[in-house]
Amino acid sequence: MTNLFDLTGKVAIITGSSRGIGKAIAEALAEQGAKVVISSRNQDVCEEVAAAINAAHPDAAIAIAASISSKDALQNLVDQTVTAFGQVDILVCNAASNPYYGPMAGISDDQFRKILDNNVIANHWLINMVAPGMLAREDGSIVIISSVGGLTGSATIGAYNISKAADFQLARNLASEFGAKGVRVNCIAPGLIRTDFAKALWENPDTLKAVTRHTPMRRIGEPHEIAGAAVFLASPASTFMTGQTIVVDGGSTTGIGL
């Protein structure tokens, strides 16, 4: 029996992979044999991460900076990846923005647009840049990092949650369009993870206590605990799975009572 999680010969782009969940996913994909493209806004930081991966897995990583707010930058990311590695087999849309915390009545139009542009439309752009090659080969896996926030309401991150709920539907729609050609589109919905991006939700001890009080595992997650789900969705282990969402949240959405 072949290794269900073997990614040897596969090429993966992971956005927002200079730190946090994206970095952990890139490291895990490289561990399984994939060539990985490290991408975020800062080229120097991307190169540091790629160098560390290459130290463990020679010639497994390259760094290509790109802002998800720029369609041209994302097209350049795809074009450079194809030049370097020949194709894109795996896309992990991980980068996201959340410039506002507070009730919906207080969010500015520009802040709301930035959230929707970066968390939904940028994913739409990037997916449609890599999809033609995947569809032609009749093989490919697209993974959108959404959030359990897309399943619940919030008095502080409502606009972000709206964007993450939209990502679930984006995956379902594209799964319907691409499925006959063997290209899969799925989401991962992390709970609260110890990243700089989510720092406002866990650095305050009182907030952290409130968040974890009704979580069965009584803690928040670590970035590497999301990486396994990404490897599963990228690998042959999940070839009959599309349009779905894997929730990785320590049980926080189980509805556990007091």
C-alpha atoms as a PDB file:
ATOM      1  CA  MET A   1       0.000   0.000   0.000  1.00  0.00           C
ATOM      2  CA  THR A   2       1.394   3.408  -0.928  1.00  0.00           C
ATOM      3  CA  ASN A   3       1.793   6.140   1.660  1.00  0.00           C
ATOM      4  CA  LEU A   4      -1.550   7.934   1.706  1.00  0.00           C
ATOM      5  CA  PHE A   5       0.140  11.152   2.794  1.00  0.00           C
ATOM      6  CA  ASP A   6       3.057  11.107   0.341  1.00  0.00           C
ATOM      7  CA  LEU A   7       3.392  14.418  -1.514  1.00  0.00           C
ATOM      8  CA  THR A   8       6.606  13.656  -3.379  1.00  0.00           C
ATOM      9  CA  GLY A   9       6.698  15.569  -6.664  1.00  0.00           C
ATOM     10  CA  LYS A  10       3.836  17.879  -5.709  1.00  0.00           C
ATOM     11  CA  VAL A  11       4.161  21.669  -5.715  1.00  0.00           C
ATOM     12  CA  ALA A  12       2.357  23.782  -3.122  1.00  0.00           C
ATOM     13  CA  ILE A  13       1.778  27.511  -2.749  1.00  0.00           C
ATOM     14  CA  ILE A  14       0.934  28.566   0.799  1.00  0.00           C
ATOM     15  CA  THR A  15      -0.033  32.198   1.355  1.00  0.00           C
ATOM     16  CA  GLY A  16       0.722  33.842   4.673  1.00  0.00           C
ATOM     17  CA  SER A  17       3.384  31.207   5.289  1.00  0.00           C
ATOM     18  CA  SER A  18       6.132  33.283   6.885  1.00  0.00           C
ATOM     19  CA  ARG A  19       4.688  32.601  10.337  1.00  0.00           C
ATOM     20  CA  GLY A  20       1.878  30.965  12.291  1.00  0.00           C
ATOM     21  CA  ILE A  21      -0.472  28.453  10.717  1.00  0.00           C
ATOM     22  CA  GLY A  22       0.832  29.012   7.183  1.00  0.00           C
ATOM     23  CA  LYS A  23       4.430  28.378   8.208  1.00  0.00           C
ATOM     24  CA  ALA A  24       3.446  25.199  10.067  1.00  0.00           C
ATOM     25  CA  ILE A  25       1.540  23.956   7.010  1.00  0.00           C
ATOM     26  CA  ALA A  26       4.479  24.670   4.692  1.00  0.00           C
ATOM     27  CA  GLU A  27       6.826  22.775   6.991  1.00  0.00           C
ATOM     28  CA  ALA A  28       4.461  19.805   7.173  1.00  0.00           C
ATOM     29  CA  LEU A  29       3.941  19.640   3.401  1.00  0.00           C
ATOM     30  CA  ALA A  30       7.701  19.739   2.858  1.00  0.00           C
ATOM     31  CA  GLU A  31       8.100  16.956   5.417  1.00  0.00           C
ATOM     32  CA  GLN A  32       5.853  14.806   3.209  1.00  0.00           C
ATOM     33  CA  GLY A  33       7.952  15.523   0.124  1.00  0.00           C
ATOM     34  CA  ALA A  34       6.262  18.544  -1.474  1.00  0.00           C
ATOM     35  CA  LYS A  35       8.026  21.512  -2.995  1.00  0.00           C
ATOM     36  CA  VAL A  36       6.682  24.536  -1.144  1.00  0.00           C
ATOM     37  CA  VAL A  37       6.449  28.223  -2.009  1.00  0.00           C
ATOM     38  CA  ILE A  38       6.672  30.500   1.014  1.00  0.00           C
ATOM     39  CA  SER A  39       4.736  33.705   0.494  1.00  0.00           C
ATOM     40  CA  SER A  40       3.784  36.763   2.516  1.00  0.00           C
ATOM     41  CA  ARG A  41       4.310  40.493   2.072  1.00  0.00           C
ATOM     42  CA  ASN A  42       7.958  40.552   3.223  1.00  0.00           C
ATOM     43  CA  GLN A  43      10.519  38.843   0.984  1.00  0.00           C
ATOM     44  CA  ASP A  44      13.252  38.778   3.631  1.00  0.00           C
ATOM     45  CA  VAL A  45      11.077  36.948   6.153  1.00  0.00           C
ATOM     46  CA  CYS A  46       9.888  34.520   3.480  1.00  0.00           C
ATOM     47  CA  GLU A  47      13.486  33.744   2.580  1.00  0.00           C
ATOM     48  CA  GLU A  48      14.314  33.007   6.225  1.00  0.00           C
ATOM     49  CA  VAL A  49      11.507  30.462   6.432  1.00  0.00           C
ATOM     50  CA  ALA A  50      12.444  28.899   3.093  1.00  0.00           C
ATOM     51  CA  ALA A  51      16.082  28.612   4.195  1.00  0.00           C
ATOM     52  CA  ALA A  52      15.076  26.808   7.381  1.00  0.00           C
ATOM     53  CA  ILE A  53      12.942  24.343   5.412  1.00  0.00           C
ATOM     54  CA  ASN A  54      15.741  23.793   2.912  1.00  0.00           C
ATOM     55  CA  ALA A  55      18.139  23.050   5.749  1.00  0.00           C
ATOM     56  CA  ALA A  56      15.947  20.092   6.672  1.00  0.00           C
ATOM     57  CA  HIS A  57      14.768  19.220   3.148  1.00  0.00           C
ATOM     58  CA  PRO A  58      17.258  20.424   0.521  1.00  0.00           C
ATOM     59  CA  ASP A  59      15.781  22.342  -2.411  1.00  0.00           C
ATOM     60  CA  ALA A  60      12.242  21.936  -1.078  1.00  0.00           C
ATOM     61  CA  ALA A  61      11.330  25.615  -0.675  1.00  0.00           C
ATOM     62  CA  ILE A  62      11.495  28.937  -2.451  1.00  0.00           C
ATOM     63  CA  ALA A  63      10.341  32.370  -1.310  1.00  0.00           C
ATOM     64  CA  ILE A  64       8.099  34.640  -3.381  1.00  0.00           C
ATOM     65  CA  ALA A  65       6.649  37.678  -1.628  1.00  0.00           C
ATOM     66  CA  ALA A  66       3.128  38.743  -2.585  1.00  0.00           C
ATOM     67  CA  SER A  67       0.439  40.914  -1.075  1.00  0.00           C
ATOM     68  CA  ILE A  68      -2.969  39.265  -1.244  1.00  0.00           C
ATOM     69  CA  SER A  69      -4.506  42.695  -1.821  1.00  0.00           C
ATOM     70  CA  SER A  70      -2.780  42.920  -5.230  1.00  0.00           C
ATOM     71  CA  LYS A  71      -4.116  40.812  -8.094  1.00  0.00           C
ATOM     72  CA  ASP A  72      -0.951  41.465 -10.074  1.00  0.00           C
ATOM     73  CA  ALA A  73       1.233  40.309  -7.174  1.00  0.00           C
ATOM     74  CA  LEU A  74      -0.767  37.095  -6.869  1.00  0.00           C
ATOM     75  CA  GLN A  75      -0.462  36.439 -10.604  1.00  0.00           C
ATOM     76  CA  ASN A  76       3.286  36.981 -10.308  1.00  0.00           C
ATOM     77  CA  LEU A  77       3.349  34.485  -7.417  1.00  0.00           C
ATOM     78  CA  VAL A  78       1.711  31.852  -9.599  1.00  0.00           C
ATOM     79  CA  ASP A  79       3.817  32.667 -12.652  1.00  0.00           C
ATOM     80  CA  GLN A  80       7.099  32.483 -10.708  1.00  0.00           C
ATOM     81  CA  THR A  81       6.047  29.208  -9.110  1.00  0.00           C
ATOM     82  CA  VAL A  82       5.326  27.664 -12.502  1.00  0.00           C
ATOM     83  CA  THR A  83       8.661  28.945 -13.813  1.00  0.00           C
ATOM     84  CA  ALA A  84      10.503  27.416 -10.858  1.00  0.00           C
ATOM     85  CA  PHE A  85       8.648  24.123 -10.464  1.00  0.00           C
ATOM     86  CA  GLY A  86       6.576  23.638 -13.619  1.00  0.00           C
ATOM     87  CA  GLN A  87       3.079  23.610 -12.122  1.00  0.00           C
ATOM     88  CA  VAL A  88       0.943  24.099  -9.013  1.00  0.00           C
ATOM     89  CA  ASP A  89      -0.636  20.975  -7.503  1.00  0.00           C
ATOM     90  CA  ILE A  90      -1.665  22.313  -4.109  1.00  0.00           C
ATOM     91  CA  LEU A  91      -2.890  25.763  -3.099  1.00  0.00           C
ATOM     92  CA  VAL A  92      -3.372  26.741   0.529  1.00  0.00           C
ATOM     93  CA  CYS A  93      -5.170  30.083   0.883  1.00  0.00           C
ATOM     94  CA  ASN A  94      -4.119  30.965   4.404  1.00  0.00           C
ATOM     95  CA  ALA A  95      -3.385  34.710   4.424  1.00  0.00           C
ATOM     96  CA  ALA A  96      -6.172  36.914   5.785  1.00  0.00           C
ATOM     97  CA  SER A  97      -6.858  40.313   7.337  1.00  0.00           C
ATOM     98  CA  ASN A  98      -8.847  41.582  10.280  1.00  0.00           C
ATOM     99  CA  PRO A  99      -8.246  45.313  10.881  1.00  0.00           C
ATOM    100  CA  TYR A 100     -11.225  45.836  13.194  1.00  0.00           C
ATOM    101  CA  TYR A 101     -12.421  44.567  16.575  1.00  0.00           C
ATOM    102  CA  GLY A 102     -15.779  45.746  17.865  1.00  0.00           C
ATOM    103  CA  PRO A 103     -19.495  45.822  17.042  1.00  0.00           C
ATOM    104  CA  MET A 104     -20.577  45.914  13.407  1.00  0.00           C
ATOM    105  CA  ALA A 105     -22.004  49.422  13.808  1.00  0.00           C
ATOM    106  CA  GLY A 106     -18.499  50.779  14.360  1.00  0.00           C
ATOM    107  CA  ILE A 107     -16.709  49.326  11.348  1.00  0.00           C
ATOM    108  CA  SER A 108     -15.813  51.699   8.546  1.00  0.00           C
ATOM    109  CA  ASP A 109     -16.655  50.902   4.945  1.00  0.00           C
ATOM    110  CA  ASP A 110     -12.953  50.721   4.099  1.00  0.00           C
ATOM    111  CA  GLN A 111     -12.282  48.250   6.919  1.00  0.00           C
ATOM    112  CA  PHE A 112     -15.213  46.057   5.881  1.00  0.00           C
ATOM    113  CA  ARG A 113     -14.105  46.118   2.233  1.00  0.00           C
ATOM    114  CA  LYS A 114     -10.530  45.216   3.206  1.00  0.00           C
ATOM    115  CA  ILE A 115     -11.762  42.178   5.139  1.00  0.00           C
ATOM    116  CA  LEU A 116     -13.931  40.954   2.276  1.00  0.00           C
ATOM    117  CA  ASP A 117     -11.322  41.766  -0.371  1.00  0.00           C
ATOM    118  CA  ASN A 118      -8.454  39.992   1.395  1.00  0.00           C
ATOM    119  CA  ASN A 119     -10.349  37.088   2.934  1.00  0.00           C
ATOM    120  CA  VAL A 120     -12.711  36.198   0.083  1.00  0.00           C
ATOM    121  CA  ILE A 121     -11.977  37.958  -3.199  1.00  0.00           C
ATOM    122  CA  ALA A 122      -8.212  37.372  -3.010  1.00  0.00           C
ATOM    123  CA  ASN A 123      -8.900  33.651  -2.531  1.00  0.00           C
ATOM    124  CA  HIS A 124     -11.190  33.768  -5.572  1.00  0.00           C
ATOM    125  CA  TRP A 125      -8.451  35.435  -7.620  1.00  0.00           C
ATOM    126  CA  LEU A 126      -5.711  33.041  -6.617  1.00  0.00           C
ATOM    127  CA  ILE A 127      -7.807  29.916  -7.047  1.00  0.00           C
ATOM    128  CA  ASN A 128      -8.777  30.956 -10.552  1.00  0.00           C
ATOM    129  CA  MET A 129      -5.110  31.554 -11.376  1.00  0.00           C
ATOM    130  CA  VAL A 130      -4.076  27.999 -10.471  1.00  0.00           C
ATOM    131  CA  ALA A 131      -7.259  26.139 -11.414  1.00  0.00           C
ATOM    132  CA  PRO A 132      -6.755  26.000 -15.204  1.00  0.00           C
ATOM    133  CA  GLY A 133      -3.571  23.954 -14.858  1.00  0.00           C
ATOM    134  CA  MET A 134      -5.136  21.656 -12.281  1.00  0.00           C
ATOM    135  CA  LEU A 135      -8.224  21.127 -14.423  1.00  0.00           C
ATOM    136  CA  ALA A 136      -6.103  20.359 -17.485  1.00  0.00           C
ATOM    137  CA  ARG A 137      -4.209  17.693 -15.512  1.00  0.00           C
ATOM    138  CA  GLU A 138      -7.436  16.573 -13.794  1.00  0.00           C
ATOM    139  CA  ASP A 139      -5.710  16.666 -10.430  1.00  0.00           C
ATOM    140  CA  GLY A 140      -5.257  19.231  -7.691  1.00  0.00           C
ATOM    141  CA  SER A 141      -6.153  20.199  -4.152  1.00  0.00           C
ATOM    142  CA  ILE A 142      -7.184  23.663  -2.979  1.00  0.00           C
ATOM    143  CA  VAL A 143      -7.418  24.331   0.761  1.00  0.00           C
ATOM    144  CA  ILE A 144      -8.929  27.493   2.215  1.00  0.00           C
ATOM    145  CA  ILE A 145      -8.086  28.282   5.824  1.00  0.00           C
ATOM    146  CA  SER A 146     -11.379  29.599   7.156  1.00  0.00           C
ATOM    147  CA  SER A 147     -12.330  29.763  10.848  1.00  0.00           C
ATOM    148  CA  VAL A 148     -14.865  28.491  13.355  1.00  0.00           C
ATOM    149  CA  GLY A 149     -15.868  32.156  13.416  1.00  0.00           C
ATOM    150  CA  GLY A 150     -17.695  31.430  10.187  1.00  0.00           C
ATOM    151  CA  LEU A 151     -19.973  29.101  12.163  1.00  0.00           C
ATOM    152  CA  THR A 152     -20.821  31.458  15.027  1.00  0.00           C
ATOM    153  CA  GLY A 153     -21.720  35.040  15.807  1.00  0.00           C
ATOM    154  CA  SER A 154     -19.460  37.508  17.585  1.00  0.00           C
ATOM    155  CA  ALA A 155     -19.792  40.936  19.159  1.00  0.00           C
ATOM    156  CA  THR A 156     -16.166  41.779  18.318  1.00  0.00           C
ATOM    157  CA  ILE A 157     -15.125  40.102  15.049  1.00  0.00           C
ATOM    158  CA  GLY A 158     -18.407  40.010  13.154  1.00  0.00           C
ATOM    159  CA  ALA A 159     -17.087  41.208   9.791  1.00  0.00           C
ATOM    160  CA  TYR A 160     -14.226  38.720   9.924  1.00  0.00           C
ATOM    161  CA  ASN A 161     -16.716  35.946  10.687  1.00  0.00           C
ATOM    162  CA  ILE A 162     -18.847  36.987   7.717  1.00  0.00           C
ATOM    163  CA  SER A 163     -15.815  36.672   5.437  1.00  0.00           C
ATOM    164  CA  LYS A 164     -14.988  33.243   6.825  1.00  0.00           C
ATOM    165  CA  ALA A 165     -18.546  32.026   6.322  1.00  0.00           C
ATOM    166  CA  ALA A 166     -18.235  33.201   2.720  1.00  0.00           C
ATOM    167  CA  ASP A 167     -15.117  31.040   2.350  1.00  0.00           C
ATOM    168  CA  PHE A 168     -17.170  27.949   3.208  1.00  0.00           C
ATOM    169  CA  GLN A 169     -19.530  28.761   0.358  1.00  0.00           C
ATOM    170  CA  LEU A 170     -16.674  29.604  -1.983  1.00  0.00           C
ATOM    171  CA  ALA A 171     -15.312  26.096  -1.415  1.00  0.00           C
ATOM    172  CA  ARG A 172     -18.712  24.495  -1.962  1.00  0.00           C
ATOM    173  CA  ASN A 173     -19.315  26.393  -5.198  1.00  0.00           C
ATOM    174  CA  LEU A 174     -15.890  25.659  -6.631  1.00  0.00           C
ATOM    175  CA  ALA A 175     -16.085  22.024  -5.557  1.00  0.00           C
ATOM    176  CA  SER A 176     -19.246  21.792  -7.645  1.00  0.00           C
ATOM    177  CA  GLU A 177     -17.529  23.393 -10.632  1.00  0.00           C
ATOM    178  CA  PHE A 178     -14.240  21.493 -10.446  1.00  0.00           C
ATOM    179  CA  GLY A 179     -15.244  18.076  -9.129  1.00  0.00           C
ATOM    180  CA  ALA A 180     -15.771  16.333 -12.456  1.00  0.00           C
ATOM    181  CA  LYS A 181     -12.161  17.119 -13.345  1.00  0.00           C
ATOM    182  CA  GLY A 182     -10.736  15.698 -10.136  1.00  0.00           C
ATOM    183  CA  VAL A 183      -9.853  19.043  -8.551  1.00  0.00           C
ATOM    184  CA  ARG A 184     -10.892  19.268  -4.918  1.00  0.00           C
ATOM    185  CA  VAL A 185     -11.683  22.372  -2.848  1.00  0.00           C
ATOM    186  CA  ASN A 186     -12.024  22.145   0.929  1.00  0.00           C
ATOM    187  CA  CYS A 187     -11.772  24.328   4.028  1.00  0.00           C
ATOM    188  CA  ILE A 188     -10.155  24.027   7.412  1.00  0.00           C
ATOM    189  CA  ALA A 189     -11.860  25.907  10.235  1.00  0.00           C
ATOM    190  CA  PRO A 190      -9.405  26.404  13.093  1.00  0.00           C
ATOM    191  CA  GLY A 191     -10.528  27.430  16.517  1.00  0.00           C
ATOM    192  CA  LEU A 192      -8.442  29.898  18.488  1.00  0.00           C
ATOM    193  CA  ILE A 193      -4.770  29.244  17.682  1.00  0.00           C
ATOM    194  CA  ARG A 194      -1.740  30.802  19.364  1.00  0.00           C
ATOM    195  CA  THR A 195      -0.642  33.057  16.491  1.00  0.00           C
ATOM    196  CA  ASP A 196       0.279  36.720  16.216  1.00  0.00           C
ATOM    197  CA  PHE A 197      -2.789  37.192  14.009  1.00  0.00           C
ATOM    198  CA  ALA A 198      -5.112  36.091  16.833  1.00  0.00           C
ATOM    199  CA  LYS A 199      -3.105  37.656  19.648  1.00  0.00           C
ATOM    200  CA  ALA A 200      -5.878  40.066  20.607  1.00  0.00           C
ATOM    201  CA  LEU A 201      -8.051  37.069  21.489  1.00  0.00           C
ATOM    202  CA  TRP A 202      -5.589  35.161  23.682  1.00  0.00           C
ATOM    203  CA  GLU A 203      -2.942  37.481  25.159  1.00  0.00           C
ATOM    204  CA  ASN A 204      -5.326  38.801  27.849  1.00  0.00           C
ATOM    205  CA  PRO A 205      -5.629  36.140  30.580  1.00  0.00           C
ATOM    206  CA  ASP A 206      -9.275  36.991  31.282  1.00  0.00           C
ATOM    207  CA  THR A 207     -10.202  36.709  27.598  1.00  0.00           C
ATOM    208  CA  LEU A 208      -8.269  33.457  27.287  1.00  0.00           C
ATOM    209  CA  LYS A 209     -10.064  32.022  30.309  1.00  0.00           C
ATOM    210  CA  ALA A 210     -13.443  32.983  28.876  1.00  0.00           C
ATOM    211  CA  VAL A 211     -12.597  31.469  25.497  1.00  0.00           C
ATOM    212  CA  THR A 212     -11.361  28.150  26.869  1.00  0.00           C
ATOM    213  CA  ARG A 213     -13.877  27.731  29.689  1.00  0.00           C
ATOM    214  CA  HIS A 214     -16.334  25.749  27.565  1.00  0.00           C
ATOM    215  CA  THR A 215     -13.770  24.120  25.285  1.00  0.00           C
ATOM    216  CA  PRO A 216     -13.475  20.386  26.057  1.00  0.00           C
ATOM    217  CA  MET A 217      -9.674  20.460  25.756  1.00  0.00           C
ATOM    218  CA  ARG A 218      -9.515  23.546  28.016  1.00  0.00           C
ATOM    219  CA  ARG A 219      -6.829  25.228  25.928  1.00  0.00           C
ATOM    220  CA  ILE A 220      -6.209  26.989  22.638  1.00  0.00           C
ATOM    221  CA  GLY A 221      -4.424  25.332  19.751  1.00  0.00           C
ATOM    222  CA  GLU A 222      -0.905  25.614  18.386  1.00  0.00           C
ATOM    223  CA  PRO A 223      -0.114  26.248  14.701  1.00  0.00           C
ATOM    224  CA  HIS A 224       1.300  22.764  14.109  1.00  0.00           C
ATOM    225  CA  GLU A 225      -2.042  21.285  15.168  1.00  0.00           C
ATOM    226  CA  ILE A 226      -3.660  22.663  12.007  1.00  0.00           C
ATOM    227  CA  ALA A 227      -0.938  21.352   9.707  1.00  0.00           C
ATOM    228  CA  GLY A 228      -2.048  17.723   9.833  1.00  0.00           C
ATOM    229  CA  ALA A 229      -5.466  18.571   8.444  1.00  0.00           C
ATOM    230  CA  ALA A 230      -3.807  20.460   5.588  1.00  0.00           C
ATOM    231  CA  VAL A 231      -1.562  17.488   4.773  1.00  0.00           C
ATOM    232  CA  PHE A 232      -4.640  15.238   4.746  1.00  0.00           C
ATOM    233  CA  LEU A 233      -6.535  17.516   2.361  1.00  0.00           C
ATOM    234  CA  ALA A 234      -3.514  17.940   0.080  1.00  0.00           C
ATOM    235  CA  SER A 235      -2.710  14.235  -0.086  1.00  0.00           C
ATOM    236  CA  PRO A 236      -4.107  11.069  -1.692  1.00  0.00           C
ATOM    237  CA  ALA A 237      -5.716  10.281   1.676  1.00  0.00           C
ATOM    238  CA  SER A 238      -8.591  12.664   0.868  1.00  0.00           C
ATOM    239  CA  THR A 239      -9.217  12.086  -2.840  1.00  0.00           C
ATOM    240  CA  PHE A 240     -12.979  11.566  -2.346  1.00  0.00           C
ATOM    241  CA  MET A 241     -13.442  14.672  -0.215  1.00  0.00           C
ATOM    242  CA  THR A 242     -14.479  18.025  -1.660  1.00  0.00           C
ATOM    243  CA  GLY A 243     -16.658  20.980  -0.716  1.00  0.00           C
ATOM    244  CA  GLN A 244     -16.216  20.182   2.963  1.00  0.00           C
ATOM    245  CA  THR A 245     -14.878  21.845   6.097  1.00  0.00           C
ATOM    246  CA  ILE A 246     -12.695  20.203   8.734  1.00  0.00           C
ATOM    247  CA  VAL A 247     -13.173  21.870  12.119  1.00  0.00           C
ATOM    248  CA  VAL A 248     -10.024  21.804  14.282  1.00  0.00           C
ATOM    249  CA  ASP A 249     -10.967  23.644  17.454  1.00  0.00           C
ATOM    250  CA  GLY A 250     -10.343  21.515  20.538  1.00  0.00           C
ATOM    251  CA  GLY A 251     -14.090  20.887  20.638  1.00  0.00           C
ATOM    252  CA  SER A 252     -15.075  24.523  21.179  1.00  0.00           C
ATOM    253  CA  THR A 253     -18.037  24.245  18.776  1.00  0.00           C
ATOM    254  CA  THR A 254     -19.522  21.154  20.438  1.00  0.00           C
ATOM    255  CA  GLY A 255     -21.797  23.328  22.544  1.00  0.00           C
ATOM    256  CA  ILE A 256     -20.542  21.907  25.851  1.00  0.00           C
ATOM    257  CA  GLY A 257     -22.412  23.285  28.848  1.00  0.00           C
ATOM    258  CA  LEU A 258     -21.309  24.170  32.364  1.00  0.00           C
END
